[in-house]
Protein backbone atom coordinates (compact mmCIF):
# COMPACT_ATOMS: atom_id res chain seq x y z
CA UNK A 1 109.33 -7.48 -80.72
CA UNK A 2 107.92 -10.10 -83.03
CA UNK A 3 106.86 -12.22 -80.03
CA UNK A 4 105.20 -9.19 -78.44
CA UNK A 5 103.23 -8.48 -81.68
CA UNK A 6 102.15 -12.12 -81.86
CA UNK A 7 101.07 -12.01 -78.22
CA UNK A 8 99.06 -8.81 -78.74
CA UNK A 9 97.57 -10.29 -81.91
CA UNK A 10 96.46 -13.33 -79.93
CA UNK A 11 94.95 -11.14 -77.20
CA UNK A 12 93.09 -8.99 -79.76
CA UNK A 13 91.85 -12.14 -81.54
CA UNK A 14 90.61 -13.56 -78.25
CA UNK A 15 88.84 -10.29 -77.39
CA UNK A 16 87.17 -10.16 -80.81
CA UNK A 17 86.03 -13.77 -80.40
CA UNK A 18 84.61 -13.06 -76.94
CA UNK A 19 82.91 -9.81 -77.94
CA UNK A 20 81.32 -11.16 -81.14
CA UNK A 21 77.59 -11.61 -80.52
CA UNK A 22 76.59 -15.21 -79.93
CA UNK A 23 73.76 -14.79 -82.48
CA UNK A 24 76.39 -14.75 -85.20
CA UNK A 25 77.24 -18.30 -84.18
CA UNK A 26 73.66 -19.41 -83.61
CA UNK A 27 72.19 -22.14 -85.74
CA UNK A 28 68.74 -23.57 -86.21
CA UNK A 29 67.55 -25.65 -83.28
CA UNK A 30 65.52 -28.70 -84.24
CA UNK A 31 63.69 -31.03 -81.88
CA UNK A 32 61.68 -34.18 -82.45
CA UNK A 33 59.37 -35.59 -79.78
CA UNK A 34 57.60 -38.95 -79.99
CA UNK A 35 54.65 -39.61 -77.70
CA UNK A 36 51.82 -42.07 -77.08
CA UNK A 37 49.01 -42.45 -74.60
CA UNK A 38 45.46 -43.64 -74.02
CA UNK A 39 42.47 -41.64 -72.91
CA UNK A 40 38.81 -42.23 -72.12
CA UNK A 41 36.06 -39.66 -71.54
CA UNK A 42 32.32 -38.98 -71.84
CA UNK A 43 31.33 -37.98 -75.37
CA UNK A 44 28.39 -37.78 -77.77
CA UNK A 45 27.80 -39.58 -81.07
CA UNK A 46 27.94 -36.70 -83.61
CA UNK A 47 25.20 -38.25 -85.72
CA UNK A 48 22.60 -39.37 -83.18
CA UNK A 49 23.42 -37.34 -80.09
CA UNK A 50 23.64 -40.58 -78.07
CA UNK A 51 25.87 -40.20 -75.01
CA UNK A 52 28.60 -42.69 -74.27
CA UNK A 53 32.28 -43.23 -73.57
CA UNK A 54 34.97 -42.47 -76.11
CA UNK A 55 38.26 -44.36 -75.62
CA UNK A 56 41.35 -43.93 -77.76
CA UNK A 57 44.94 -45.05 -77.98
CA UNK A 58 47.18 -42.68 -79.90
CA UNK A 59 50.75 -42.12 -80.93
CA UNK A 60 52.39 -39.17 -82.59
CA UNK A 61 55.44 -37.13 -83.36
CA UNK A 62 56.20 -33.41 -83.23
CA UNK A 63 59.02 -31.80 -85.20
CA UNK A 64 59.98 -28.20 -84.57
CA UNK A 65 62.70 -25.98 -85.93
CA UNK A 66 63.52 -22.57 -84.50
CA UNK A 67 65.86 -20.18 -86.29
CA UNK A 68 68.08 -17.60 -84.56
CA UNK A 69 65.86 -14.77 -85.90
CA UNK A 70 62.86 -16.17 -83.99
CA UNK A 71 61.21 -17.81 -87.00
CA UNK A 72 59.93 -21.30 -86.46
CA UNK A 73 58.20 -24.22 -88.16
CA UNK A 74 56.36 -26.98 -86.32
CA UNK A 75 54.42 -30.04 -87.41
CA UNK A 76 52.61 -32.63 -85.35
CA UNK A 77 51.04 -35.85 -86.60
CA UNK A 78 48.91 -38.10 -84.40
CA UNK A 79 47.23 -41.37 -85.35
CA UNK A 80 44.76 -43.17 -83.14
CA UNK A 81 42.42 -46.09 -82.84
CA UNK A 82 39.21 -45.50 -80.93
CA UNK A 83 35.97 -46.96 -79.65
CA UNK A 84 32.71 -45.22 -78.83
CA UNK A 85 30.49 -47.25 -76.50
CA UNK A 86 27.02 -45.72 -76.07
CA UNK A 87 25.32 -45.58 -72.69
CA UNK A 88 22.21 -47.07 -74.34
CA UNK A 89 22.95 -50.71 -75.30
CA UNK A 90 20.41 -50.40 -78.15
CA UNK A 91 22.70 -47.90 -79.91
CA UNK A 92 25.61 -49.17 -82.05
CA UNK A 93 29.18 -49.24 -80.75
CA UNK A 94 31.73 -47.68 -83.12
CA UNK A 95 35.39 -48.53 -83.66
CA UNK A 96 37.70 -46.65 -85.95
CA UNK A 97 40.88 -44.79 -86.80
CA UNK A 98 41.75 -41.12 -86.95
CA UNK A 99 44.62 -38.96 -88.13
CA UNK A 100 45.39 -35.46 -86.86
CA UNK A 101 47.95 -33.08 -88.38
CA UNK A 102 49.00 -29.60 -87.30
CA UNK A 103 51.49 -27.27 -88.93
CA UNK A 104 52.54 -23.83 -87.69
CA UNK A 105 54.93 -21.22 -89.01
CA UNK A 106 56.20 -17.87 -87.78
CA UNK A 107 58.49 -16.01 -90.17
CA UNK A 108 60.93 -13.21 -89.51
CA UNK A 109 58.28 -10.64 -90.48
CA UNK A 110 56.16 -12.08 -87.61
CA UNK A 111 53.46 -13.45 -89.91
CA UNK A 112 51.93 -16.49 -88.21
CA UNK A 113 50.09 -19.32 -89.97
CA UNK A 114 48.52 -22.46 -88.59
CA UNK A 115 46.72 -25.29 -90.35
CA UNK A 116 45.02 -28.23 -88.67
CA UNK A 117 43.47 -31.27 -90.34
CA UNK A 118 41.69 -34.18 -88.73
CA UNK A 119 39.90 -37.13 -90.32
CA UNK A 120 38.27 -40.26 -88.98
CA UNK A 121 36.48 -43.38 -90.16
CA UNK A 122 34.38 -45.48 -87.80
CA UNK A 123 32.41 -48.68 -88.32
CA UNK A 124 29.33 -49.39 -86.23
CA UNK A 125 28.41 -52.73 -84.68
CA UNK A 126 25.22 -52.49 -86.82
CA UNK A 127 27.26 -52.17 -90.05
CA UNK A 128 26.88 -48.38 -90.31
CA UNK A 129 29.82 -46.13 -91.12
CA UNK A 130 30.73 -42.65 -89.86
CA UNK A 131 33.35 -40.44 -91.50
CA UNK A 132 34.55 -36.98 -90.69
CA UNK A 133 37.03 -34.43 -91.89
CA UNK A 134 38.08 -31.08 -90.42
CA UNK A 135 40.32 -28.36 -91.85
CA UNK A 136 41.12 -25.18 -89.92
CA UNK A 137 43.49 -22.47 -91.12
CA UNK A 138 44.48 -19.05 -89.79
CA UNK A 139 47.00 -16.44 -90.91
CA UNK A 140 47.70 -13.62 -88.46
CA UNK A 141 49.63 -10.47 -89.36
CA UNK A 142 52.12 -8.84 -86.95
CA UNK A 143 49.51 -6.32 -85.76
CA UNK A 144 47.17 -9.16 -84.75
CA UNK A 145 44.87 -8.82 -87.76
CA UNK A 146 43.55 -12.16 -88.98
CA UNK A 147 44.19 -12.11 -92.71
CA UNK A 148 42.79 -15.56 -93.45
CA UNK A 149 40.72 -17.69 -91.16
CA UNK A 150 38.38 -20.57 -91.90
CA UNK A 151 37.07 -23.85 -90.57
CA UNK A 152 35.52 -26.58 -92.71
CA UNK A 153 33.95 -29.47 -90.85
CA UNK A 154 32.15 -32.40 -92.47
CA UNK A 155 30.65 -35.48 -90.83
CA UNK A 156 28.89 -38.16 -92.88
CA UNK A 157 26.30 -40.12 -90.94
CA UNK A 158 24.51 -43.36 -91.79
């Protein structure tokens, strides 16, 4: 009889373990992705309007964490070195560095926020200097209403 009770106890325990929702065992899932690349494309000098070719080499990392309730947090950071070569050889060529950052959150109440920053510094072949900074933020409520939203962009030209 004691063996039979132990056997039934084991069967009931196994059934409980199999029937228990997997969410109860779920844990946060975190990923990290490193990346790098180069790119080149037609662009325009933001200060003079001169057309040219923008070339950059960048590297970055993205971290994301997703919780069992659907909440998540993500950040991405990218740094780059770049060159802007104008089509007109009388215009200065610029070389510089930039940093991009993005952070996003979605909480269990389904409120979504995103913030992006980008800054750059470039030195011209004529000794001039260009700088820029961008900040964008948005907060969206579950019904799709944008509670906060703004963009601040500043470029300093020679």
